[in-house]
Amino acid sequence: MSTFIWVLMALAVGIVLVSLVYTLVAGRTQKALKGEYDTQIDEKIQQHPYLRNPVFLSFALFFILVLGYILYWSVK
């Protein structure tokens, strides 16, 4: 396998591990808030609601990787 494939595999494993840790932390936070209906939203999330959204972060990462892939093949 080429070096490019190994780098992509390492990146994918890194993303999976970070996502797993983020999910576990979010789950523990939800358990702590269970029973409270109108809880206060964290101040950091109030200031940057789109930057803290994992769906938007996934889209941004996807487009960055696609752009990198296109640039890699166009320069090669």
C-alpha atoms as a PDB file:
ATOM      1  CA  MET A   1       0.000   0.000   0.000  1.00  0.00           C
ATOM      2  CA  SER A   2       1.133   3.507  -0.697  1.00  0.00           C
ATOM      3  CA  THR A   3       2.039   6.108   1.885  1.00  0.00           C
ATOM      4  CA  PHE A   4      -1.074   8.084   0.961  1.00  0.00           C
ATOM      5  CA  ILE A   5      -3.323   5.159   1.968  1.00  0.00           C
ATOM      6  CA  TRP A   6      -1.491   4.776   5.290  1.00  0.00           C
ATOM      7  CA  VAL A   7      -1.920   8.472   6.032  1.00  0.00           C
ATOM      8  CA  LEU A   8      -5.645   8.302   5.227  1.00  0.00           C
ATOM      9  CA  MET A   9      -6.047   5.216   7.425  1.00  0.00           C
ATOM     10  CA  ALA A  10      -4.264   6.927  10.331  1.00  0.00           C
ATOM     11  CA  LEU A  11      -6.434  10.009   9.852  1.00  0.00           C
ATOM     12  CA  ALA A  12      -9.605   7.885   9.830  1.00  0.00           C
ATOM     13  CA  VAL A  13      -8.587   6.064  13.019  1.00  0.00           C
ATOM     14  CA  GLY A  14      -7.801   9.410  14.664  1.00  0.00           C
ATOM     15  CA  ILE A  15     -11.199  10.816  13.712  1.00  0.00           C
ATOM     16  CA  VAL A  16     -12.952   7.716  15.054  1.00  0.00           C
ATOM     17  CA  LEU A  17     -11.089   7.921  18.373  1.00  0.00           C
ATOM     18  CA  VAL A  18     -11.762  11.645  18.818  1.00  0.00           C
ATOM     19  CA  SER A  19     -15.440  11.126  17.926  1.00  0.00           C
ATOM     20  CA  LEU A  20     -15.742   8.281  20.417  1.00  0.00           C
ATOM     21  CA  VAL A  21     -14.229  10.342  23.245  1.00  0.00           C
ATOM     22  CA  TYR A  22     -16.404  13.350  22.347  1.00  0.00           C
ATOM     23  CA  THR A  23     -19.521  11.148  22.359  1.00  0.00           C
ATOM     24  CA  LEU A  24     -18.661   9.646  25.746  1.00  0.00           C
ATOM     25  CA  VAL A  25     -18.081  13.089  27.264  1.00  0.00           C
ATOM     26  CA  ALA A  26     -21.365  14.377  25.807  1.00  0.00           C
ATOM     27  CA  GLY A  27     -23.192  11.315  27.139  1.00  0.00           C
ATOM     28  CA  ARG A  28     -21.857  11.869  30.645  1.00  0.00           C
ATOM     29  CA  THR A  29     -22.939  15.495  30.490  1.00  0.00           C
ATOM     30  CA  GLN A  30     -26.468  14.443  29.479  1.00  0.00           C
ATOM     31  CA  LYS A  31     -26.634  11.995  32.398  1.00  0.00           C
ATOM     32  CA  ALA A  32     -25.625  14.776  34.787  1.00  0.00           C
ATOM     33  CA  LEU A  33     -28.334  17.073  33.408  1.00  0.00           C
ATOM     34  CA  LYS A  34     -31.064  14.414  33.368  1.00  0.00           C
ATOM     35  CA  GLY A  35     -34.231  15.693  34.975  1.00  0.00           C
ATOM     36  CA  GLU A  36     -33.569  19.353  34.258  1.00  0.00           C
ATOM     37  CA  TYR A  37     -35.665  20.601  31.362  1.00  0.00           C
ATOM     38  CA  ASP A  38     -34.374  24.118  30.765  1.00  0.00           C
ATOM     39  CA  THR A  39     -30.686  23.955  31.509  1.00  0.00           C
ATOM     40  CA  GLN A  40     -28.276  26.759  30.764  1.00  0.00           C
ATOM     41  CA  ILE A  41     -26.316  26.330  27.526  1.00  0.00           C
ATOM     42  CA  ASP A  42     -22.558  26.545  27.938  1.00  0.00           C
ATOM     43  CA  GLU A  43     -21.194  30.039  27.290  1.00  0.00           C
ATOM     44  CA  LYS A  44     -18.669  28.821  24.688  1.00  0.00           C
ATOM     45  CA  ILE A  45     -21.446  27.144  22.701  1.00  0.00           C
ATOM     46  CA  GLN A  46     -23.614  30.261  22.903  1.00  0.00           C
ATOM     47  CA  GLN A  47     -20.781  32.317  21.419  1.00  0.00           C
ATOM     48  CA  HIS A  48     -19.947  29.837  18.615  1.00  0.00           C
ATOM     49  CA  PRO A  49     -22.971  27.577  17.990  1.00  0.00           C
ATOM     50  CA  TYR A  50     -21.844  26.485  14.514  1.00  0.00           C
ATOM     51  CA  LEU A  51     -18.214  25.818  15.389  1.00  0.00           C
ATOM     52  CA  ARG A  52     -19.237  23.513  18.252  1.00  0.00           C
ATOM     53  CA  ASN A  53     -21.696  21.483  16.150  1.00  0.00           C
ATOM     54  CA  PRO A  54     -20.158  18.106  15.211  1.00  0.00           C
ATOM     55  CA  VAL A  55     -22.282  17.833  12.054  1.00  0.00           C
ATOM     56  CA  PHE A  56     -20.925  21.101  10.673  1.00  0.00           C
ATOM     57  CA  LEU A  57     -17.413  20.106  11.715  1.00  0.00           C
ATOM     58  CA  SER A  58     -17.804  16.812   9.837  1.00  0.00           C
ATOM     59  CA  PHE A  59     -18.939  18.624   6.698  1.00  0.00           C
ATOM     60  CA  ALA A  60     -16.032  21.062   6.922  1.00  0.00           C
ATOM     61  CA  LEU A  61     -13.523  18.246   7.436  1.00  0.00           C
ATOM     62  CA  PHE A  62     -15.008  16.326   4.498  1.00  0.00           C
ATOM     63  CA  PHE A  63     -14.681  19.291   2.144  1.00  0.00           C
ATOM     64  CA  ILE A  64     -11.134  19.993   3.319  1.00  0.00           C
ATOM     65  CA  LEU A  65     -10.174  16.367   2.646  1.00  0.00           C
ATOM     66  CA  VAL A  66     -11.836  16.394  -0.785  1.00  0.00           C
ATOM     67  CA  LEU A  67     -10.061  19.627  -1.671  1.00  0.00           C
ATOM     68  CA  GLY A  68      -6.754  18.161  -0.484  1.00  0.00           C
ATOM     69  CA  TYR A  69      -7.337  15.025  -2.544  1.00  0.00           C
ATOM     70  CA  ILE A  70      -8.121  17.066  -5.652  1.00  0.00           C
ATOM     71  CA  LEU A  71      -5.065  19.243  -5.140  1.00  0.00           C
ATOM     72  CA  TYR A  72      -2.897  16.172  -4.540  1.00  0.00           C
ATOM     73  CA  TRP A  73      -3.939  14.588  -7.847  1.00  0.00           C
ATOM     74  CA  SER A  74      -3.738  17.843  -9.801  1.00  0.00           C
ATOM     75  CA  VAL A  75      -0.172  18.571  -8.636  1.00  0.00           C
ATOM     76  CA  LYS A  76       1.028  14.982  -8.978  1.00  0.00           C
END
